[in-house]
Amino acid sequence: MKIGIVGSGTVGTILAQTFSRGDNQILLSHAGGVASLLNRRAEFAENVSFGEVTVALQQPLVIVAVPFEVAPAVLHQVADYQQRIVVDVTNQFTADFQKIDTRPLTGSEVIAAAAPNARVIKAFNTLPHELMTGKVDGPGRRVLFYAGDDREAKKTFAELVKPLNFRPVNLGKLRHGGSVMQVGGGLGHTAFVQLDEKY
């Protein structure tokens, strides 16, 4: 799958490396443009290329790995997402609430509102960044919680992450699943391993 990643900080970098292990083409972007990434070529596999943010936002699957408070403005650069899948990996921390009070919406519902006609999935934000690789010490798969309002988009996402050693666990829609996944929702930074290979 062609995957655009917006943000090349710690999380964006790890997810680019993680998804490059699959049969995917990754377009990594940064607000500073392609030139700001060129000296990092050695960090990534050959199937990771660099591009502009606006191009990354138009890939079939988009991963939003920027701070929550700037994510809506970033997403607004595209007027119509044409049913593309947008994966929200942001977290709302206390400082964010001082800038943007989203209540009664969950953070992912705010992201969805900023990405017209996108199919938004909340995922990865409950994992510490060092565990976003899917790798585990010993047998088993890394449990990956996710939520979303579109059934087919969630199915596509689950099939995408399974080969990367994740055990995807569907928590339902963005209102409920997103609420338990965001800061203060109960899951926090959790790290579970599924030992049963049957799923």
N, C-alpha and C. Protein backbone atom coordinates (compact mmCIF):
# COMPACT_ATOMS: atom_id res chain seq x y z
N MET A 1 0.84 -1.19 0.00
CA MET A 1 0.00 0.00 0.00
C MET A 1 0.87 1.25 0.00
N LYS A 2 0.40 2.31 -0.63
CA LYS A 2 1.08 3.59 -0.59
C LYS A 2 0.64 4.34 0.67
N ILE A 3 1.62 4.68 1.50
CA ILE A 3 1.35 5.30 2.80
C ILE A 3 2.08 6.62 2.89
N GLY A 4 1.34 7.68 3.19
CA GLY A 4 1.95 8.98 3.44
C GLY A 4 2.03 9.22 4.94
N ILE A 5 3.19 9.61 5.41
CA ILE A 5 3.37 9.91 6.83
C ILE A 5 3.68 11.39 6.97
N VAL A 6 2.86 12.09 7.74
CA VAL A 6 3.06 13.52 7.98
C VAL A 6 3.69 13.69 9.34
N GLY A 7 4.92 14.15 9.35
CA GLY A 7 5.67 14.28 10.59
C GLY A 7 6.82 13.29 10.61
N SER A 8 8.02 13.79 10.84
CA SER A 8 9.19 12.90 10.83
C SER A 8 9.96 12.96 12.13
N GLY A 9 9.24 13.24 13.22
CA GLY A 9 9.85 13.19 14.54
C GLY A 9 10.01 11.74 14.98
N THR A 10 10.06 11.52 16.28
CA THR A 10 10.29 10.17 16.80
C THR A 10 9.23 9.19 16.32
N VAL A 11 7.95 9.55 16.46
CA VAL A 11 6.87 8.64 16.09
C VAL A 11 6.80 8.43 14.58
N GLY A 12 6.85 9.52 13.81
CA GLY A 12 6.80 9.40 12.36
C GLY A 12 7.94 8.56 11.82
N THR A 13 9.13 8.73 12.40
CA THR A 13 10.30 7.96 11.97
C THR A 13 10.11 6.47 12.25
N ILE A 14 9.69 6.15 13.47
CA ILE A 14 9.51 4.74 13.83
C ILE A 14 8.43 4.09 12.97
N LEU A 15 7.33 4.79 12.73
CA LEU A 15 6.27 4.20 11.92
C LEU A 15 6.69 4.05 10.46
N ALA A 16 7.51 4.96 9.95
CA ALA A 16 8.05 4.79 8.59
C ALA A 16 8.91 3.54 8.52
N GLN A 17 9.73 3.34 9.53
CA GLN A 17 10.58 2.15 9.56
C GLN A 17 9.74 0.88 9.74
N THR A 18 8.71 0.97 10.57
CA THR A 18 7.86 -0.20 10.82
C THR A 18 7.11 -0.61 9.56
N PHE A 19 6.42 0.32 8.93
CA PHE A 19 5.63 -0.03 7.74
C PHE A 19 6.49 -0.34 6.53
N SER A 20 7.74 0.08 6.54
CA SER A 20 8.62 -0.26 5.42
C SER A 20 9.01 -1.73 5.44
N ARG A 21 8.76 -2.43 6.55
CA ARG A 21 9.03 -3.87 6.60
C ARG A 21 8.00 -4.65 5.80
N GLY A 22 6.88 -4.04 5.53
CA GLY A 22 5.83 -4.70 4.75
C GLY A 22 5.98 -4.39 3.27
N ASP A 23 5.02 -4.85 2.51
CA ASP A 23 5.01 -4.60 1.07
C ASP A 23 4.34 -3.26 0.80
N ASN A 24 4.96 -2.20 1.30
CA ASN A 24 4.38 -0.86 1.21
C ASN A 24 5.37 0.12 0.60
N GLN A 25 4.83 1.20 0.08
CA GLN A 25 5.64 2.32 -0.38
C GLN A 25 5.35 3.50 0.54
N ILE A 26 6.38 3.96 1.24
CA ILE A 26 6.21 4.99 2.26
C ILE A 26 6.70 6.33 1.73
N LEU A 27 5.88 7.36 1.90
CA LEU A 27 6.28 8.73 1.58
C LEU A 27 6.31 9.51 2.89
N LEU A 28 7.50 9.82 3.36
CA LEU A 28 7.68 10.52 4.63
C LEU A 28 7.81 12.02 4.35
N SER A 29 7.12 12.83 5.15
CA SER A 29 7.15 14.27 4.91
C SER A 29 7.40 15.04 6.20
N HIS A 30 7.86 16.28 6.01
CA HIS A 30 8.14 17.16 7.13
C HIS A 30 7.80 18.58 6.71
N ALA A 31 7.38 19.40 7.68
CA ALA A 31 6.99 20.77 7.38
C ALA A 31 8.12 21.57 6.74
N GLY A 32 9.36 21.17 7.00
CA GLY A 32 10.51 21.86 6.43
C GLY A 32 10.81 21.49 4.99
N GLY A 33 10.00 20.58 4.42
CA GLY A 33 10.19 20.19 3.03
C GLY A 33 11.15 19.02 2.87
N VAL A 34 11.29 18.56 1.64
CA VAL A 34 12.14 17.41 1.33
C VAL A 34 13.58 17.65 1.73
N ALA A 35 14.07 18.86 1.51
CA ALA A 35 15.46 19.17 1.81
C ALA A 35 15.82 18.90 3.27
N SER A 36 14.85 19.06 4.17
CA SER A 36 15.11 18.87 5.59
C SER A 36 15.28 17.39 5.96
N LEU A 37 14.97 16.50 5.02
CA LEU A 37 15.04 15.06 5.29
C LEU A 37 16.21 14.37 4.58
N LEU A 38 16.79 15.02 3.63
CA LEU A 38 17.78 14.36 2.76
C LEU A 38 18.97 13.79 3.51
N ASN A 39 19.41 14.45 4.57
CA ASN A 39 20.57 13.94 5.31
C ASN A 39 20.23 12.75 6.20
N ARG A 40 18.96 12.30 6.16
CA ARG A 40 18.53 11.16 6.98
C ARG A 40 18.27 9.91 6.13
N ARG A 41 18.69 9.94 4.90
CA ARG A 41 18.43 8.84 3.96
C ARG A 41 18.84 7.49 4.53
N ALA A 42 19.96 7.42 5.23
CA ALA A 42 20.49 6.15 5.72
C ALA A 42 19.63 5.52 6.81
N GLU A 43 18.71 6.28 7.39
CA GLU A 43 17.86 5.75 8.46
C GLU A 43 16.74 4.85 7.95
N PHE A 44 16.49 4.88 6.63
CA PHE A 44 15.29 4.23 6.11
C PHE A 44 15.60 3.24 4.99
N ALA A 45 14.68 2.30 4.82
CA ALA A 45 14.80 1.31 3.76
C ALA A 45 14.55 1.96 2.40
N GLU A 46 14.82 1.23 1.34
CA GLU A 46 14.69 1.77 -0.02
C GLU A 46 13.26 2.11 -0.38
N ASN A 47 12.29 1.44 0.26
CA ASN A 47 10.88 1.72 -0.07
C ASN A 47 10.31 2.91 0.72
N VAL A 48 11.19 3.68 1.36
CA VAL A 48 10.80 4.94 2.00
C VAL A 48 11.38 6.08 1.18
N SER A 49 10.50 6.95 0.70
CA SER A 49 10.95 8.14 -0.02
C SER A 49 10.50 9.38 0.72
N PHE A 50 11.02 10.53 0.32
CA PHE A 50 10.68 11.79 0.96
C PHE A 50 9.82 12.63 0.02
N GLY A 51 8.85 13.34 0.59
CA GLY A 51 7.98 14.17 -0.22
C GLY A 51 7.42 15.33 0.57
N GLU A 52 6.68 16.19 -0.10
CA GLU A 52 6.06 17.32 0.55
C GLU A 52 4.84 16.87 1.35
N VAL A 53 4.48 17.65 2.36
CA VAL A 53 3.33 17.31 3.21
C VAL A 53 2.05 17.19 2.38
N THR A 54 1.83 18.10 1.46
CA THR A 54 0.60 18.07 0.67
C THR A 54 0.50 16.80 -0.17
N VAL A 55 1.64 16.26 -0.59
CA VAL A 55 1.64 15.02 -1.36
C VAL A 55 1.38 13.83 -0.44
N ALA A 56 2.00 13.83 0.73
CA ALA A 56 1.78 12.75 1.69
C ALA A 56 0.32 12.65 2.10
N LEU A 57 -0.34 13.80 2.20
CA LEU A 57 -1.75 13.84 2.60
C LEU A 57 -2.68 13.25 1.55
N GLN A 58 -2.18 13.03 0.35
CA GLN A 58 -3.02 12.53 -0.73
C GLN A 58 -2.73 11.07 -1.08
N GLN A 59 -2.01 10.38 -0.21
CA GLN A 59 -1.76 8.95 -0.41
C GLN A 59 -3.00 8.16 0.03
N PRO A 60 -3.15 6.91 -0.44
CA PRO A 60 -4.33 6.11 -0.07
C PRO A 60 -4.51 5.94 1.44
N LEU A 61 -3.38 5.87 2.16
CA LEU A 61 -3.44 5.82 3.62
C LEU A 61 -2.48 6.87 4.16
N VAL A 62 -2.98 7.70 5.06
CA VAL A 62 -2.20 8.80 5.62
C VAL A 62 -2.06 8.59 7.13
N ILE A 63 -0.84 8.70 7.62
CA ILE A 63 -0.58 8.63 9.05
C ILE A 63 -0.24 10.03 9.55
N VAL A 64 -1.01 10.51 10.52
CA VAL A 64 -0.80 11.85 11.07
C VAL A 64 0.02 11.74 12.34
N ALA A 65 1.31 12.09 12.24
CA ALA A 65 2.23 11.96 13.36
C ALA A 65 2.81 13.32 13.72
N VAL A 66 1.93 14.27 13.93
CA VAL A 66 2.32 15.62 14.35
C VAL A 66 1.64 15.92 15.68
N PRO A 67 2.05 16.94 16.41
CA PRO A 67 1.36 17.28 17.67
C PRO A 67 -0.11 17.53 17.45
N PHE A 68 -0.91 17.12 18.42
CA PHE A 68 -2.37 17.24 18.27
C PHE A 68 -2.82 18.64 17.94
N GLU A 69 -2.21 19.64 18.58
CA GLU A 69 -2.72 21.00 18.42
C GLU A 69 -2.49 21.57 17.02
N VAL A 70 -1.56 20.99 16.26
CA VAL A 70 -1.33 21.48 14.90
C VAL A 70 -1.96 20.57 13.85
N ALA A 71 -2.41 19.39 14.26
CA ALA A 71 -2.95 18.42 13.30
C ALA A 71 -4.12 18.96 12.47
N PRO A 72 -5.12 19.62 13.07
CA PRO A 72 -6.23 20.13 12.25
C PRO A 72 -5.77 21.07 11.14
N ALA A 73 -4.85 21.97 11.45
CA ALA A 73 -4.37 22.90 10.43
C ALA A 73 -3.63 22.17 9.32
N VAL A 74 -2.88 21.15 9.68
CA VAL A 74 -2.17 20.35 8.68
C VAL A 74 -3.17 19.65 7.76
N LEU A 75 -4.17 19.04 8.35
CA LEU A 75 -5.16 18.30 7.57
C LEU A 75 -6.00 19.21 6.67
N HIS A 76 -6.20 20.44 7.08
CA HIS A 76 -7.01 21.38 6.31
C HIS A 76 -6.37 21.75 4.97
N GLN A 77 -5.14 21.30 4.73
CA GLN A 77 -4.48 21.58 3.46
C GLN A 77 -5.12 20.80 2.30
N VAL A 78 -5.93 19.81 2.63
CA VAL A 78 -6.67 19.03 1.62
C VAL A 78 -8.15 19.27 1.83
N ALA A 79 -8.85 19.65 0.78
CA ALA A 79 -10.28 19.98 0.91
C ALA A 79 -11.17 18.76 0.93
N ASP A 80 -10.76 17.68 0.27
CA ASP A 80 -11.59 16.48 0.18
C ASP A 80 -10.67 15.26 0.17
N TYR A 81 -10.79 14.43 1.19
CA TYR A 81 -9.92 13.25 1.30
C TYR A 81 -10.41 12.06 0.49
N GLN A 82 -11.56 12.19 -0.14
CA GLN A 82 -12.04 11.20 -1.10
C GLN A 82 -12.00 9.76 -0.57
N GLN A 83 -12.41 9.61 0.70
CA GLN A 83 -12.51 8.31 1.35
C GLN A 83 -11.17 7.65 1.64
N ARG A 84 -10.08 8.42 1.58
CA ARG A 84 -8.79 7.87 1.97
C ARG A 84 -8.80 7.59 3.47
N ILE A 85 -7.96 6.66 3.88
CA ILE A 85 -7.85 6.31 5.30
C ILE A 85 -6.84 7.23 5.95
N VAL A 86 -7.23 7.85 7.04
CA VAL A 86 -6.34 8.71 7.82
C VAL A 86 -6.17 8.09 9.20
N VAL A 87 -4.93 7.75 9.55
CA VAL A 87 -4.64 7.14 10.84
C VAL A 87 -4.15 8.22 11.80
N ASP A 88 -4.89 8.42 12.86
CA ASP A 88 -4.58 9.43 13.86
C ASP A 88 -3.77 8.80 14.98
N VAL A 89 -2.51 9.20 15.12
CA VAL A 89 -1.68 8.66 16.19
C VAL A 89 -1.39 9.72 17.26
N THR A 90 -2.12 10.83 17.19
CA THR A 90 -1.86 11.94 18.11
C THR A 90 -2.37 11.63 19.52
N ASN A 91 -1.87 12.40 20.47
CA ASN A 91 -2.34 12.32 21.85
C ASN A 91 -2.67 13.72 22.34
N GLN A 92 -3.72 13.82 23.12
CA GLN A 92 -4.09 15.09 23.75
C GLN A 92 -3.52 15.13 25.16
N PHE A 93 -2.58 15.97 25.38
CA PHE A 93 -2.03 16.14 26.72
C PHE A 93 -2.67 17.36 27.37
N THR A 94 -2.43 17.55 28.64
CA THR A 94 -3.07 18.63 29.37
C THR A 94 -2.83 19.98 28.71
N ALA A 95 -1.61 20.21 28.23
CA ALA A 95 -1.31 21.49 27.59
C ALA A 95 -2.18 21.72 26.36
N ASP A 96 -2.51 20.63 25.66
CA ASP A 96 -3.32 20.75 24.47
C ASP A 96 -4.73 21.24 24.82
N PHE A 97 -5.29 20.76 25.92
CA PHE A 97 -6.63 21.15 26.31
C PHE A 97 -6.70 22.65 26.63
N GLN A 98 -5.58 23.21 27.05
CA GLN A 98 -5.56 24.64 27.33
C GLN A 98 -5.65 25.44 26.03
N LYS A 99 -5.24 24.83 24.93
CA LYS A 99 -5.27 25.51 23.64
C LYS A 99 -6.53 25.18 22.85
N ILE A 100 -6.92 23.90 22.90
CA ILE A 100 -8.08 23.45 22.14
C ILE A 100 -8.95 22.59 23.05
N ASP A 101 -10.09 23.10 23.44
CA ASP A 101 -11.02 22.32 24.26
C ASP A 101 -11.96 21.57 23.32
N THR A 102 -11.78 20.26 23.21
CA THR A 102 -12.53 19.48 22.23
C THR A 102 -13.87 18.97 22.75
N ARG A 103 -14.09 19.05 24.04
CA ARG A 103 -15.31 18.46 24.59
C ARG A 103 -16.58 19.02 23.93
N PRO A 104 -17.57 18.17 23.65
CA PRO A 104 -17.70 16.77 24.03
C PRO A 104 -17.07 15.79 23.04
N LEU A 105 -16.39 16.27 22.01
CA LEU A 105 -15.78 15.39 21.03
C LEU A 105 -14.51 14.75 21.58
N THR A 106 -14.21 13.55 21.10
CA THR A 106 -12.90 12.95 21.38
C THR A 106 -11.88 13.61 20.45
N GLY A 107 -10.62 13.44 20.76
CA GLY A 107 -9.58 14.00 19.92
C GLY A 107 -9.67 13.51 18.49
N SER A 108 -9.97 12.24 18.32
CA SER A 108 -10.05 11.68 16.97
C SER A 108 -11.26 12.20 16.20
N GLU A 109 -12.32 12.55 16.91
CA GLU A 109 -13.46 13.16 16.23
C GLU A 109 -13.09 14.56 15.74
N VAL A 110 -12.23 15.25 16.47
CA VAL A 110 -11.73 16.55 16.02
C VAL A 110 -10.88 16.36 14.76
N ILE A 111 -10.04 15.34 14.79
CA ILE A 111 -9.21 15.03 13.61
C ILE A 111 -10.11 14.69 12.42
N ALA A 112 -11.14 13.90 12.65
CA ALA A 112 -12.05 13.53 11.57
C ALA A 112 -12.75 14.74 10.98
N ALA A 113 -13.14 15.70 11.82
CA ALA A 113 -13.81 16.90 11.35
C ALA A 113 -12.87 17.77 10.51
N ALA A 114 -11.56 17.65 10.77
CA ALA A 114 -10.58 18.44 10.03
C ALA A 114 -10.17 17.79 8.72
N ALA A 115 -10.63 16.56 8.50
CA ALA A 115 -10.27 15.82 7.28
C ALA A 115 -11.55 15.40 6.56
N PRO A 116 -12.19 16.32 5.83
CA PRO A 116 -13.48 16.04 5.18
C PRO A 116 -13.43 14.82 4.27
N ASN A 117 -14.40 13.94 4.45
CA ASN A 117 -14.56 12.75 3.62
C ASN A 117 -13.44 11.74 3.81
N ALA A 118 -12.73 11.83 4.91
CA ALA A 118 -11.72 10.82 5.24
C ALA A 118 -12.33 9.75 6.13
N ARG A 119 -11.75 8.58 6.10
CA ARG A 119 -12.14 7.50 7.01
C ARG A 119 -11.04 7.41 8.08
N VAL A 120 -11.33 7.95 9.25
CA VAL A 120 -10.32 8.12 10.29
C VAL A 120 -10.27 6.90 11.22
N ILE A 121 -9.05 6.50 11.52
CA ILE A 121 -8.80 5.41 12.46
C ILE A 121 -7.84 5.92 13.53
N LYS A 122 -8.18 5.66 14.77
CA LYS A 122 -7.30 5.98 15.89
C LYS A 122 -6.45 4.75 16.19
N ALA A 123 -5.12 4.92 16.25
CA ALA A 123 -4.26 3.77 16.52
C ALA A 123 -2.87 4.23 16.96
N PHE A 124 -2.14 3.33 17.57
CA PHE A 124 -0.74 3.50 17.97
C PHE A 124 -0.52 4.42 19.16
N ASN A 125 -1.44 5.32 19.47
CA ASN A 125 -1.15 6.32 20.49
C ASN A 125 -1.08 5.74 21.90
N THR A 126 -1.57 4.52 22.12
CA THR A 126 -1.48 3.93 23.46
C THR A 126 -0.15 3.21 23.68
N LEU A 127 0.64 3.06 22.62
CA LEU A 127 1.93 2.38 22.74
C LEU A 127 3.06 3.38 22.97
N PRO A 128 3.98 3.09 23.89
CA PRO A 128 5.20 3.90 23.94
C PRO A 128 5.90 3.80 22.58
N HIS A 129 6.54 4.86 22.15
CA HIS A 129 7.08 4.88 20.78
C HIS A 129 8.04 3.74 20.50
N GLU A 130 8.78 3.29 21.51
CA GLU A 130 9.75 2.23 21.26
C GLU A 130 9.09 0.87 20.98
N LEU A 131 7.79 0.76 21.25
CA LEU A 131 7.07 -0.49 21.00
C LEU A 131 6.23 -0.43 19.72
N MET A 132 6.29 0.69 19.00
CA MET A 132 5.52 0.83 17.76
C MET A 132 6.11 0.05 16.60
N THR A 133 7.19 -0.67 16.86
CA THR A 133 7.80 -1.50 15.82
C THR A 133 7.04 -2.81 15.62
N GLY A 134 6.25 -3.20 16.62
CA GLY A 134 5.56 -4.49 16.56
C GLY A 134 6.40 -5.63 17.08
N LYS A 135 7.66 -5.41 17.27
CA LYS A 135 8.55 -6.48 17.72
C LYS A 135 8.36 -6.74 19.21
N VAL A 136 8.53 -8.00 19.61
CA VAL A 136 8.42 -8.38 21.01
C VAL A 136 9.62 -9.24 21.38
N ASP A 137 9.93 -9.26 22.66
CA ASP A 137 10.99 -10.15 23.15
C ASP A 137 10.37 -11.51 23.43
N GLY A 138 10.63 -12.47 22.56
CA GLY A 138 10.05 -13.78 22.72
C GLY A 138 8.88 -13.98 21.78
N PRO A 139 8.07 -15.02 22.03
CA PRO A 139 6.95 -15.32 21.13
C PRO A 139 5.79 -14.35 21.31
N GLY A 140 4.93 -14.31 20.32
CA GLY A 140 3.71 -13.53 20.42
C GLY A 140 3.70 -12.31 19.52
N ARG A 141 2.58 -11.59 19.56
CA ARG A 141 2.39 -10.39 18.76
C ARG A 141 2.08 -9.20 19.66
N ARG A 142 2.49 -8.03 19.22
CA ARG A 142 2.22 -6.82 19.98
C ARG A 142 0.76 -6.41 19.79
N VAL A 143 0.02 -6.28 20.88
CA VAL A 143 -1.38 -5.87 20.81
C VAL A 143 -1.46 -4.40 20.39
N LEU A 144 -2.31 -4.15 19.39
CA LEU A 144 -2.49 -2.79 18.88
C LEU A 144 -3.97 -2.44 18.91
N PHE A 145 -4.35 -1.54 19.80
CA PHE A 145 -5.73 -1.10 19.88
C PHE A 145 -6.02 -0.09 18.76
N TYR A 146 -7.22 -0.17 18.22
CA TYR A 146 -7.61 0.80 17.20
C TYR A 146 -9.12 1.01 17.24
N ALA A 147 -9.55 2.15 16.70
CA ALA A 147 -10.98 2.48 16.68
C ALA A 147 -11.26 3.26 15.40
N GLY A 148 -12.51 3.24 14.97
CA GLY A 148 -12.90 3.98 13.77
C GLY A 148 -14.36 3.78 13.48
N ASP A 149 -14.91 4.65 12.65
CA ASP A 149 -16.34 4.60 12.34
C ASP A 149 -16.66 3.84 11.05
N ASP A 150 -15.63 3.53 10.26
CA ASP A 150 -15.85 2.86 8.98
C ASP A 150 -15.35 1.42 9.04
N ARG A 151 -16.26 0.48 8.86
CA ARG A 151 -15.94 -0.94 9.02
C ARG A 151 -14.88 -1.40 8.01
N GLU A 152 -15.03 -1.02 6.75
CA GLU A 152 -14.09 -1.48 5.73
C GLU A 152 -12.71 -0.88 5.94
N ALA A 153 -12.66 0.37 6.37
CA ALA A 153 -11.37 1.00 6.64
C ALA A 153 -10.65 0.27 7.78
N LYS A 154 -11.40 -0.10 8.79
CA LYS A 154 -10.80 -0.82 9.91
C LYS A 154 -10.30 -2.19 9.48
N LYS A 155 -11.04 -2.83 8.61
CA LYS A 155 -10.62 -4.14 8.10
C LYS A 155 -9.32 -4.00 7.31
N THR A 156 -9.24 -2.98 6.46
CA THR A 156 -8.02 -2.73 5.69
C THR A 156 -6.84 -2.46 6.62
N PHE A 157 -7.07 -1.65 7.65
CA PHE A 157 -6.01 -1.32 8.59
C PHE A 157 -5.52 -2.57 9.32
N ALA A 158 -6.45 -3.39 9.78
CA ALA A 158 -6.08 -4.60 10.51
C ALA A 158 -5.24 -5.54 9.64
N GLU A 159 -5.63 -5.69 8.39
CA GLU A 159 -4.88 -6.56 7.49
C GLU A 159 -3.50 -5.97 7.18
N LEU A 160 -3.38 -4.66 7.23
CA LEU A 160 -2.11 -4.01 6.96
C LEU A 160 -1.11 -4.24 8.08
N VAL A 161 -1.57 -4.23 9.34
CA VAL A 161 -0.64 -4.32 10.47
C VAL A 161 -0.35 -5.75 10.92
N LYS A 162 -1.19 -6.70 10.57
CA LYS A 162 -0.96 -8.07 11.02
C LYS A 162 0.39 -8.63 10.57
N PRO A 163 0.80 -8.42 9.32
CA PRO A 163 2.11 -8.96 8.91
C PRO A 163 3.29 -8.30 9.61
N LEU A 164 3.05 -7.19 10.31
CA LEU A 164 4.12 -6.47 11.00
C LEU A 164 4.24 -6.90 12.46
N ASN A 165 3.63 -8.03 12.79
CA ASN A 165 3.66 -8.64 14.12
C ASN A 165 2.77 -7.91 15.14
N PHE A 166 1.70 -7.31 14.65
CA PHE A 166 0.71 -6.72 15.55
C PHE A 166 -0.51 -7.61 15.66
N ARG A 167 -1.14 -7.60 16.83
CA ARG A 167 -2.44 -8.24 17.03
C ARG A 167 -3.44 -7.11 17.18
N PRO A 168 -4.12 -6.71 16.09
CA PRO A 168 -5.06 -5.60 16.16
C PRO A 168 -6.30 -5.94 16.98
N VAL A 169 -6.70 -5.02 17.85
CA VAL A 169 -7.88 -5.20 18.70
C VAL A 169 -8.81 -4.01 18.47
N ASN A 170 -9.97 -4.29 17.92
CA ASN A 170 -10.94 -3.26 17.56
C ASN A 170 -11.72 -2.80 18.79
N LEU A 171 -11.64 -1.51 19.12
CA LEU A 171 -12.34 -0.97 20.28
C LEU A 171 -13.63 -0.24 19.90
N GLY A 172 -14.05 -0.37 18.65
CA GLY A 172 -15.32 0.23 18.26
C GLY A 172 -15.15 1.55 17.55
N LYS A 173 -16.11 2.45 17.72
CA LYS A 173 -16.14 3.71 17.00
C LYS A 173 -15.28 4.78 17.69
N LEU A 174 -15.08 5.88 16.99
CA LEU A 174 -14.23 6.94 17.50
C LEU A 174 -14.75 7.54 18.80
N ARG A 175 -16.06 7.60 18.98
CA ARG A 175 -16.61 8.19 20.19
C ARG A 175 -16.25 7.36 21.42
N HIS A 176 -16.49 6.06 21.35
CA HIS A 176 -16.19 5.21 22.51
C HIS A 176 -14.73 4.77 22.52
N GLY A 177 -14.31 4.14 21.44
CA GLY A 177 -12.94 3.64 21.39
C GLY A 177 -11.92 4.75 21.51
N GLY A 178 -12.19 5.86 20.83
CA GLY A 178 -11.26 6.99 20.92
C GLY A 178 -11.18 7.55 22.32
N SER A 179 -12.30 7.54 23.04
CA SER A 179 -12.31 8.12 24.39
C SER A 179 -11.47 7.30 25.36
N VAL A 180 -11.48 5.98 25.23
CA VAL A 180 -10.69 5.16 26.15
C VAL A 180 -9.23 5.11 25.75
N MET A 181 -8.93 5.46 24.50
CA MET A 181 -7.54 5.44 24.04
C MET A 181 -6.81 6.76 24.30
N GLN A 182 -7.56 7.86 24.42
CA GLN A 182 -6.87 9.13 24.61
C GLN A 182 -6.46 9.31 26.06
N VAL A 183 -5.63 10.30 26.30
CA VAL A 183 -5.10 10.54 27.64
C VAL A 183 -6.24 10.67 28.65
N GLY A 184 -6.14 9.92 29.73
CA GLY A 184 -7.18 9.92 30.76
C GLY A 184 -8.30 8.94 30.51
N GLY A 185 -8.23 8.23 29.38
CA GLY A 185 -9.31 7.32 29.01
C GLY A 185 -9.21 5.93 29.62
N GLY A 186 -8.07 5.60 30.20
CA GLY A 186 -7.94 4.31 30.87
C GLY A 186 -6.84 3.42 30.33
N LEU A 187 -6.59 3.49 29.02
CA LEU A 187 -5.56 2.61 28.45
C LEU A 187 -4.17 3.18 28.63
N GLY A 188 -4.04 4.50 28.54
CA GLY A 188 -2.73 5.11 28.74
C GLY A 188 -1.69 4.50 27.83
N HIS A 189 -0.46 4.42 28.30
CA HIS A 189 0.61 3.75 27.56
C HIS A 189 0.64 2.30 28.00
N THR A 190 -0.03 1.45 27.24
CA THR A 190 -0.15 0.05 27.59
C THR A 190 0.65 -0.80 26.63
N ALA A 191 1.12 -1.92 27.13
CA ALA A 191 1.95 -2.80 26.30
C ALA A 191 1.56 -4.25 26.57
N PHE A 192 0.72 -4.80 25.71
CA PHE A 192 0.28 -6.18 25.85
C PHE A 192 0.83 -7.01 24.71
N VAL A 193 1.03 -8.30 24.99
CA VAL A 193 1.48 -9.23 23.97
C VAL A 193 0.47 -10.36 23.88
N GLN A 194 0.04 -10.69 22.66
CA GLN A 194 -0.88 -11.79 22.41
C GLN A 194 -0.04 -13.02 22.09
N LEU A 195 -0.14 -14.06 22.91
CA LEU A 195 0.65 -15.26 22.71
C LEU A 195 -0.03 -16.25 21.77
N ASP A 196 -1.35 -16.23 21.70
CA ASP A 196 -2.08 -17.15 20.84
C ASP A 196 -1.97 -16.66 19.40
N GLU A 197 -1.45 -17.46 18.50
CA GLU A 197 -1.24 -17.06 17.12
C GLU A 197 -2.55 -17.10 16.32
N LYS A 198 -3.61 -17.68 16.86
CA LYS A 198 -4.87 -17.75 16.16
C LYS A 198 -5.70 -16.51 16.43
N TYR A 199 -6.05 -15.77 15.38
CA TYR A 199 -6.86 -14.57 15.55
C TYR A 199 -7.62 -14.28 14.27
